[in-house]
């Protein structure tokens, strides 16, 4: 059940991520709106998609199937910047 539900969540979530990426590139949207709304929504959506994928991978392990592994090159600096960004958003949400 969890796996089928996770698959059903991934499709609309991918659409949301695509739309947020398009909004991020839109020049007509003010920079403050980008920073306050679009970027936090994009980061949260990407994080949620990672969680859903982790649930699907865990489900594969339960059924003794081989999980799929993908190697994505990244930098420690990028990861730290994302963590700092998420933490800043959490702090800002406390002030609201």
N, C-alpha and C. Protein backbone atom coordinates (compact mmCIF):
# COMPACT_ATOMS: atom_id res chain seq x y z
N UNK A 1 0.83 -1.19 0.00
CA UNK A 1 0.00 0.00 0.00
C UNK A 1 0.87 1.25 0.00
N UNK A 2 1.90 1.25 0.84
CA UNK A 2 2.78 2.43 0.93
C UNK A 2 3.45 2.70 -0.42
N UNK A 3 3.89 1.65 -1.07
CA UNK A 3 4.57 1.82 -2.36
C UNK A 3 3.63 2.39 -3.41
N UNK A 4 2.41 1.87 -3.47
CA UNK A 4 1.47 2.40 -4.47
C UNK A 4 1.08 3.84 -4.17
N UNK A 5 0.93 4.15 -2.88
CA UNK A 5 0.63 5.52 -2.50
C UNK A 5 1.79 6.45 -2.85
N UNK A 6 3.01 5.98 -2.63
CA UNK A 6 4.19 6.78 -2.94
C UNK A 6 4.28 7.07 -4.43
N UNK A 7 3.95 6.07 -5.25
CA UNK A 7 3.95 6.28 -6.70
C UNK A 7 2.91 7.33 -7.08
N UNK A 8 1.76 7.29 -6.43
CA UNK A 8 0.70 8.25 -6.73
C UNK A 8 1.10 9.67 -6.30
N UNK A 9 1.92 9.80 -5.29
CA UNK A 9 2.38 11.11 -4.83
C UNK A 9 3.47 11.68 -5.73
N UNK A 10 4.26 10.81 -6.32
CA UNK A 10 5.39 11.29 -7.12
C UNK A 10 4.97 12.05 -8.36
N UNK A 11 3.93 11.61 -9.03
CA UNK A 11 3.51 12.25 -10.27
C UNK A 11 3.12 13.71 -10.07
N UNK A 12 2.21 14.03 -9.15
CA UNK A 12 1.88 15.45 -8.97
C UNK A 12 3.06 16.24 -8.39
N UNK A 13 3.87 15.60 -7.58
CA UNK A 13 5.02 16.29 -7.00
C UNK A 13 6.02 16.67 -8.08
N UNK A 14 6.24 15.79 -9.04
CA UNK A 14 7.13 16.13 -10.16
C UNK A 14 6.57 17.31 -10.96
N UNK A 15 5.26 17.37 -11.13
CA UNK A 15 4.64 18.51 -11.82
C UNK A 15 4.86 19.80 -11.05
N UNK A 16 4.73 19.72 -9.74
CA UNK A 16 4.95 20.91 -8.90
C UNK A 16 6.40 21.39 -9.02
N UNK A 17 7.34 20.46 -9.01
CA UNK A 17 8.75 20.82 -9.12
C UNK A 17 9.04 21.47 -10.47
N UNK A 18 8.46 20.93 -11.54
CA UNK A 18 8.64 21.52 -12.86
C UNK A 18 8.10 22.94 -12.90
N UNK A 19 6.90 23.14 -12.36
CA UNK A 19 6.30 24.48 -12.36
C UNK A 19 7.10 25.46 -11.50
N UNK A 20 7.60 25.00 -10.37
CA UNK A 20 8.42 25.87 -9.52
C UNK A 20 9.74 26.23 -10.20
N UNK A 21 10.33 25.29 -10.92
CA UNK A 21 11.55 25.61 -11.68
C UNK A 21 11.27 26.63 -12.77
N UNK A 22 10.12 26.52 -13.42
CA UNK A 22 9.74 27.52 -14.43
C UNK A 22 9.53 28.88 -13.78
N UNK A 23 8.88 28.90 -12.64
CA UNK A 23 8.65 30.17 -11.93
C UNK A 23 9.97 30.76 -11.46
N UNK A 24 10.90 29.90 -11.07
CA UNK A 24 12.22 30.38 -10.62
C UNK A 24 12.96 31.10 -11.75
N UNK A 25 12.73 30.67 -12.98
CA UNK A 25 13.40 31.27 -14.13
C UNK A 25 12.67 32.49 -14.70
N UNK A 26 11.45 32.72 -14.25
CA UNK A 26 10.65 33.83 -14.77
C UNK A 26 11.24 35.16 -14.33
N UNK A 27 11.48 36.02 -15.29
CA UNK A 27 12.09 37.32 -14.99
C UNK A 27 11.07 38.33 -14.46
N UNK A 28 9.79 38.11 -14.72
CA UNK A 28 8.76 39.05 -14.31
C UNK A 28 8.45 38.98 -12.82
N UNK A 29 8.87 37.91 -12.17
CA UNK A 29 8.58 37.74 -10.74
C UNK A 29 9.68 38.43 -9.94
N UNK A 30 9.30 39.26 -8.97
CA UNK A 30 10.31 39.98 -8.17
C UNK A 30 11.23 39.02 -7.39
N UNK A 31 12.47 39.47 -7.20
CA UNK A 31 13.47 38.64 -6.52
C UNK A 31 13.04 38.29 -5.10
N UNK A 32 12.41 39.22 -4.41
CA UNK A 32 11.98 38.94 -3.03
C UNK A 32 10.94 37.83 -3.00
N UNK A 33 10.06 37.78 -4.00
CA UNK A 33 9.07 36.72 -4.08
C UNK A 33 9.75 35.37 -4.32
N UNK A 34 10.78 35.40 -5.19
CA UNK A 34 11.57 34.18 -5.42
C UNK A 34 12.13 33.65 -4.12
N UNK A 35 12.80 34.53 -3.38
CA UNK A 35 13.50 34.12 -2.16
C UNK A 35 12.54 33.70 -1.06
N UNK A 36 11.40 34.36 -0.97
CA UNK A 36 10.49 34.11 0.14
C UNK A 36 9.53 32.94 -0.12
N UNK A 37 9.17 32.72 -1.38
CA UNK A 37 8.14 31.72 -1.66
C UNK A 37 8.59 30.61 -2.61
N UNK A 38 9.14 30.97 -3.75
CA UNK A 38 9.42 29.97 -4.77
C UNK A 38 10.56 29.04 -4.35
N UNK A 39 11.68 29.60 -3.91
CA UNK A 39 12.82 28.76 -3.53
C UNK A 39 12.51 27.84 -2.35
N UNK A 40 11.86 28.32 -1.27
CA UNK A 40 11.51 27.39 -0.20
C UNK A 40 10.56 26.28 -0.66
N UNK A 41 9.60 26.63 -1.50
CA UNK A 41 8.67 25.61 -2.01
C UNK A 41 9.40 24.60 -2.88
N UNK A 42 10.34 25.07 -3.68
CA UNK A 42 11.11 24.17 -4.54
C UNK A 42 11.98 23.24 -3.71
N UNK A 43 12.69 23.78 -2.73
CA UNK A 43 13.54 22.95 -1.88
C UNK A 43 12.70 21.93 -1.09
N UNK A 44 11.57 22.36 -0.59
CA UNK A 44 10.71 21.46 0.17
C UNK A 44 10.16 20.35 -0.72
N UNK A 45 9.78 20.70 -1.93
CA UNK A 45 9.25 19.70 -2.87
C UNK A 45 10.33 18.68 -3.24
N UNK A 46 11.55 19.17 -3.48
CA UNK A 46 12.64 18.25 -3.81
C UNK A 46 12.96 17.34 -2.62
N UNK A 47 12.91 17.89 -1.42
CA UNK A 47 13.16 17.08 -0.22
C UNK A 47 12.07 16.02 -0.06
N UNK A 48 10.83 16.41 -0.27
CA UNK A 48 9.72 15.47 -0.17
C UNK A 48 9.84 14.36 -1.21
N UNK A 49 10.27 14.72 -2.42
CA UNK A 49 10.47 13.71 -3.46
C UNK A 49 11.56 12.72 -3.05
N UNK A 50 12.63 13.21 -2.43
CA UNK A 50 13.68 12.31 -1.94
C UNK A 50 13.14 11.37 -0.87
N UNK A 51 12.30 11.89 0.02
CA UNK A 51 11.70 11.03 1.05
C UNK A 51 10.82 9.95 0.43
N UNK A 52 10.04 10.32 -0.55
CA UNK A 52 9.17 9.35 -1.22
C UNK A 52 10.01 8.29 -1.91
N UNK A 53 11.08 8.70 -2.57
CA UNK A 53 11.96 7.73 -3.23
C UNK A 53 12.62 6.81 -2.21
N UNK A 54 12.96 7.34 -1.05
CA UNK A 54 13.54 6.51 0.01
C UNK A 54 12.52 5.48 0.50
N UNK A 55 11.26 5.87 0.61
CA UNK A 55 10.21 4.93 1.02
C UNK A 55 10.09 3.81 -0.01
N UNK A 56 10.13 4.17 -1.28
CA UNK A 56 10.05 3.15 -2.33
C UNK A 56 11.25 2.21 -2.29
N UNK A 57 12.44 2.77 -2.04
CA UNK A 57 13.64 1.93 -1.94
C UNK A 57 13.56 1.01 -0.73
N UNK A 58 13.08 1.51 0.37
CA UNK A 58 12.93 0.68 1.57
C UNK A 58 11.93 -0.45 1.31
N UNK A 59 10.87 -0.12 0.60
CA UNK A 59 9.87 -1.13 0.26
C UNK A 59 10.49 -2.24 -0.59
N UNK A 60 11.39 -1.88 -1.51
CA UNK A 60 12.08 -2.89 -2.31
C UNK A 60 12.91 -3.81 -1.42
N UNK A 61 13.56 -3.24 -0.43
CA UNK A 61 14.37 -4.05 0.49
C UNK A 61 13.51 -5.03 1.27
N UNK A 62 12.31 -4.61 1.64
CA UNK A 62 11.41 -5.50 2.38
C UNK A 62 11.03 -6.73 1.56
N UNK A 63 10.92 -6.54 0.26
CA UNK A 63 10.56 -7.65 -0.62
C UNK A 63 11.79 -8.34 -1.20
N UNK A 64 12.94 -8.06 -0.58
CA UNK A 64 14.21 -8.70 -0.95
C UNK A 64 14.59 -8.47 -2.42
N UNK A 65 14.27 -7.30 -2.91
CA UNK A 65 14.66 -6.94 -4.27
C UNK A 65 15.86 -5.99 -4.19
N UNK A 66 16.61 -5.95 -5.24
CA UNK A 66 17.77 -5.07 -5.28
C UNK A 66 17.32 -3.61 -5.44
N UNK A 67 17.76 -2.74 -4.56
CA UNK A 67 17.43 -1.33 -4.75
C UNK A 67 18.24 -0.74 -5.90
N UNK A 68 17.68 0.24 -6.55
CA UNK A 68 18.41 0.89 -7.63
C UNK A 68 19.29 1.98 -7.03
N UNK A 69 20.49 2.04 -7.52
CA UNK A 69 21.43 3.03 -7.01
C UNK A 69 21.80 3.97 -8.14
N UNK A 70 21.82 5.24 -7.85
CA UNK A 70 22.28 6.22 -8.83
C UNK A 70 23.34 7.09 -8.16
N UNK A 71 24.36 7.37 -8.89
CA UNK A 71 25.44 8.21 -8.40
C UNK A 71 25.30 9.57 -9.05
N UNK A 72 25.17 10.58 -8.23
CA UNK A 72 25.02 11.94 -8.73
C UNK A 72 26.17 12.78 -8.19
N UNK A 73 26.97 13.33 -9.09
CA UNK A 73 28.07 14.16 -8.60
C UNK A 73 27.53 15.43 -7.95
N UNK A 74 28.07 15.78 -6.82
CA UNK A 74 27.65 16.98 -6.12
C UNK A 74 28.83 17.49 -5.30
N UNK A 75 28.66 18.65 -4.73
CA UNK A 75 29.74 19.19 -3.93
C UNK A 75 29.25 19.39 -2.49
N UNK A 76 30.16 19.30 -1.58
CA UNK A 76 29.83 19.52 -0.17
C UNK A 76 29.29 20.93 0.02
N UNK A 77 29.86 21.89 -0.69
CA UNK A 77 29.42 23.28 -0.58
C UNK A 77 27.95 23.42 -0.95
N UNK A 78 27.52 22.74 -2.02
CA UNK A 78 26.12 22.79 -2.44
C UNK A 78 25.21 22.20 -1.37
N UNK A 79 25.61 21.09 -0.78
CA UNK A 79 24.81 20.46 0.27
C UNK A 79 24.70 21.38 1.47
N UNK A 80 25.82 21.97 1.88
CA UNK A 80 25.81 22.88 3.04
C UNK A 80 24.94 24.09 2.76
N UNK A 81 25.01 24.63 1.54
CA UNK A 81 24.17 25.78 1.18
C UNK A 81 22.69 25.43 1.25
N UNK A 82 22.32 24.23 0.81
CA UNK A 82 20.92 23.82 0.88
C UNK A 82 20.46 23.66 2.33
N UNK A 83 21.32 23.08 3.17
CA UNK A 83 20.98 22.91 4.59
C UNK A 83 20.81 24.28 5.24
N UNK A 84 21.72 25.21 4.98
CA UNK A 84 21.63 26.56 5.54
C UNK A 84 20.34 27.22 5.08
N UNK A 85 20.01 27.07 3.80
CA UNK A 85 18.79 27.67 3.27
C UNK A 85 17.55 27.13 3.97
N UNK A 86 17.50 25.81 4.14
CA UNK A 86 16.35 25.18 4.81
C UNK A 86 16.25 25.65 6.26
N UNK A 87 17.38 25.72 6.95
CA UNK A 87 17.38 26.16 8.35
C UNK A 87 16.93 27.61 8.46
N UNK A 88 17.36 28.47 7.53
CA UNK A 88 16.91 29.87 7.53
C UNK A 88 15.40 29.96 7.37
N UNK A 89 14.85 29.12 6.48
CA UNK A 89 13.40 29.13 6.27
C UNK A 89 12.66 28.69 7.52
N UNK A 90 13.20 27.69 8.22
CA UNK A 90 12.57 27.24 9.46
C UNK A 90 12.60 28.35 10.51
N UNK A 91 13.71 29.07 10.60
CA UNK A 91 13.80 30.19 11.55
C UNK A 91 12.81 31.28 11.19
N UNK A 92 12.70 31.60 9.90
CA UNK A 92 11.76 32.63 9.46
C UNK A 92 10.32 32.23 9.73
N UNK A 93 10.02 30.95 9.62
CA UNK A 93 8.65 30.47 9.89
C UNK A 93 8.30 30.61 11.37
N UNK A 94 9.29 30.53 12.24
CA UNK A 94 9.04 30.72 13.67
C UNK A 94 8.59 32.13 13.98
N UNK A 95 9.13 33.11 13.20
CA UNK A 95 8.83 34.51 13.45
C UNK A 95 7.45 34.91 12.96
N UNK A 96 6.83 34.07 12.13
CA UNK A 96 5.52 34.43 11.56
C UNK A 96 4.42 34.19 12.56
